[in-house]
């Protein structure tokens, strides 16, 4: 079930594997249905963050995951 939830979050957010592995609960904003993803795919290689909207199915998948510091 946990693997399925991670895959659904990747599918609905179009997150890269590394972006998902860096994801923390502080990056998830369930109230506003969005998630903050960090990427290094920009000039200079520094991490830059973008907010990605969450569809209801992704919110449901996130709610099934354990509430530890890191999601993955």
C-alpha atoms as a PDB file:
ATOM      1  CA  UNK A   1       0.000   0.000   0.000  1.00  0.00           C
ATOM      2  CA  UNK A   2       2.807   2.411   0.850  1.00  0.00           C
ATOM      3  CA  UNK A   3       4.526   1.800  -2.493  1.00  0.00           C
ATOM      4  CA  UNK A   4       1.246   2.374  -4.292  1.00  0.00           C
ATOM      5  CA  UNK A   5       0.774   5.700  -2.491  1.00  0.00           C
ATOM      6  CA  UNK A   6       4.288   6.858  -3.459  1.00  0.00           C
ATOM      7  CA  UNK A   7       3.690   5.906  -7.082  1.00  0.00           C
ATOM      8  CA  UNK A   8       0.365   7.748  -7.124  1.00  0.00           C
ATOM      9  CA  UNK A   9       1.993  10.882  -5.725  1.00  0.00           C
ATOM     10  CA  UNK A  10       4.686  10.642  -8.409  1.00  0.00           C
ATOM     11  CA  UNK A  11       2.051  10.157 -11.085  1.00  0.00           C
ATOM     12  CA  UNK A  12      -0.202  13.038 -10.045  1.00  0.00           C
ATOM     13  CA  UNK A  13       2.588  15.531  -9.313  1.00  0.00           C
ATOM     14  CA  UNK A  14       4.966  14.507 -12.140  1.00  0.00           C
ATOM     15  CA  UNK A  15       7.714  14.512  -9.494  1.00  0.00           C
ATOM     16  CA  UNK A  16      11.080  13.085 -10.376  1.00  0.00           C
ATOM     17  CA  UNK A  17      12.424  10.338  -8.149  1.00  0.00           C
ATOM     18  CA  UNK A  18      14.949  12.654  -6.468  1.00  0.00           C
ATOM     19  CA  UNK A  19      12.274  15.286  -5.880  1.00  0.00           C
ATOM     20  CA  UNK A  20      10.103  12.714  -4.156  1.00  0.00           C
ATOM     21  CA  UNK A  21      13.008  11.426  -2.054  1.00  0.00           C
ATOM     22  CA  UNK A  22      13.700  14.985  -0.793  1.00  0.00           C
ATOM     23  CA  UNK A  23      10.038  15.591   0.027  1.00  0.00           C
ATOM     24  CA  UNK A  24       9.250  16.256   3.684  1.00  0.00           C
ATOM     25  CA  UNK A  25       5.938  16.727   5.453  1.00  0.00           C
ATOM     26  CA  UNK A  26       6.728  20.430   5.812  1.00  0.00           C
ATOM     27  CA  UNK A  27       6.565  20.599   1.979  1.00  0.00           C
ATOM     28  CA  UNK A  28       2.998  19.255   1.911  1.00  0.00           C
ATOM     29  CA  UNK A  29       0.152  21.756   2.211  1.00  0.00           C
ATOM     30  CA  UNK A  30      -3.007  19.659   2.385  1.00  0.00           C
ATOM     31  CA  UNK A  31      -5.227  22.646   3.282  1.00  0.00           C
ATOM     32  CA  UNK A  32      -4.338  24.417   0.024  1.00  0.00           C
ATOM     33  CA  UNK A  33      -3.951  21.156  -1.908  1.00  0.00           C
ATOM     34  CA  UNK A  34      -0.386  21.716  -3.052  1.00  0.00           C
ATOM     35  CA  UNK A  35       3.082  20.317  -2.547  1.00  0.00           C
ATOM     36  CA  UNK A  36       6.459  22.062  -2.752  1.00  0.00           C
ATOM     37  CA  UNK A  37       8.950  20.159  -4.909  1.00  0.00           C
ATOM     38  CA  UNK A  38      12.647  20.998  -5.010  1.00  0.00           C
ATOM     39  CA  UNK A  39      14.666  20.527  -8.180  1.00  0.00           C
ATOM     40  CA  UNK A  40      18.309  20.958  -9.174  1.00  0.00           C
ATOM     41  CA  UNK A  41      17.493  21.095 -12.894  1.00  0.00           C
ATOM     42  CA  UNK A  42      18.202  24.815 -13.142  1.00  0.00           C
ATOM     43  CA  UNK A  43      21.253  26.901 -13.973  1.00  0.00           C
ATOM     44  CA  UNK A  44      23.869  26.670 -11.226  1.00  0.00           C
ATOM     45  CA  UNK A  45      22.554  23.448  -9.686  1.00  0.00           C
ATOM     46  CA  UNK A  46      21.075  25.051  -6.567  1.00  0.00           C
ATOM     47  CA  UNK A  47      17.786  23.654  -5.316  1.00  0.00           C
ATOM     48  CA  UNK A  48      14.805  25.739  -6.391  1.00  0.00           C
ATOM     49  CA  UNK A  49      11.264  25.046  -5.240  1.00  0.00           C
ATOM     50  CA  UNK A  50       7.987  25.116  -7.122  1.00  0.00           C
ATOM     51  CA  UNK A  51       4.487  24.511  -5.808  1.00  0.00           C
ATOM     52  CA  UNK A  52       2.547  21.819  -7.606  1.00  0.00           C
ATOM     53  CA  UNK A  53      -1.223  21.488  -7.157  1.00  0.00           C
ATOM     54  CA  UNK A  54      -2.582  18.222  -5.772  1.00  0.00           C
ATOM     55  CA  UNK A  55      -5.617  16.472  -7.153  1.00  0.00           C
ATOM     56  CA  UNK A  56      -7.928  14.766  -4.663  1.00  0.00           C
ATOM     57  CA  UNK A  57      -6.500  11.318  -5.418  1.00  0.00           C
ATOM     58  CA  UNK A  58      -2.973  12.536  -4.543  1.00  0.00           C
ATOM     59  CA  UNK A  59      -4.255  14.046  -1.282  1.00  0.00           C
ATOM     60  CA  UNK A  60      -5.845  10.698  -0.418  1.00  0.00           C
ATOM     61  CA  UNK A  61      -2.612   8.853  -1.239  1.00  0.00           C
ATOM     62  CA  UNK A  62      -0.560  11.220   0.939  1.00  0.00           C
ATOM     63  CA  UNK A  63      -2.966  10.801   3.843  1.00  0.00           C
ATOM     64  CA  UNK A  64      -2.243   7.041   3.908  1.00  0.00           C
ATOM     65  CA  UNK A  65       1.518   7.523   4.373  1.00  0.00           C
ATOM     66  CA  UNK A  66       3.128   7.381   7.825  1.00  0.00           C
ATOM     67  CA  UNK A  67       3.756  10.781   9.394  1.00  0.00           C
ATOM     68  CA  UNK A  68       7.512  10.571   9.819  1.00  0.00           C
ATOM     69  CA  UNK A  69       9.932  13.434   9.111  1.00  0.00           C
ATOM     70  CA  UNK A  70      10.727  12.389   5.540  1.00  0.00           C
ATOM     71  CA  UNK A  71       8.044  10.918   3.333  1.00  0.00           C
ATOM     72  CA  UNK A  72      10.353   8.387   1.678  1.00  0.00           C
END
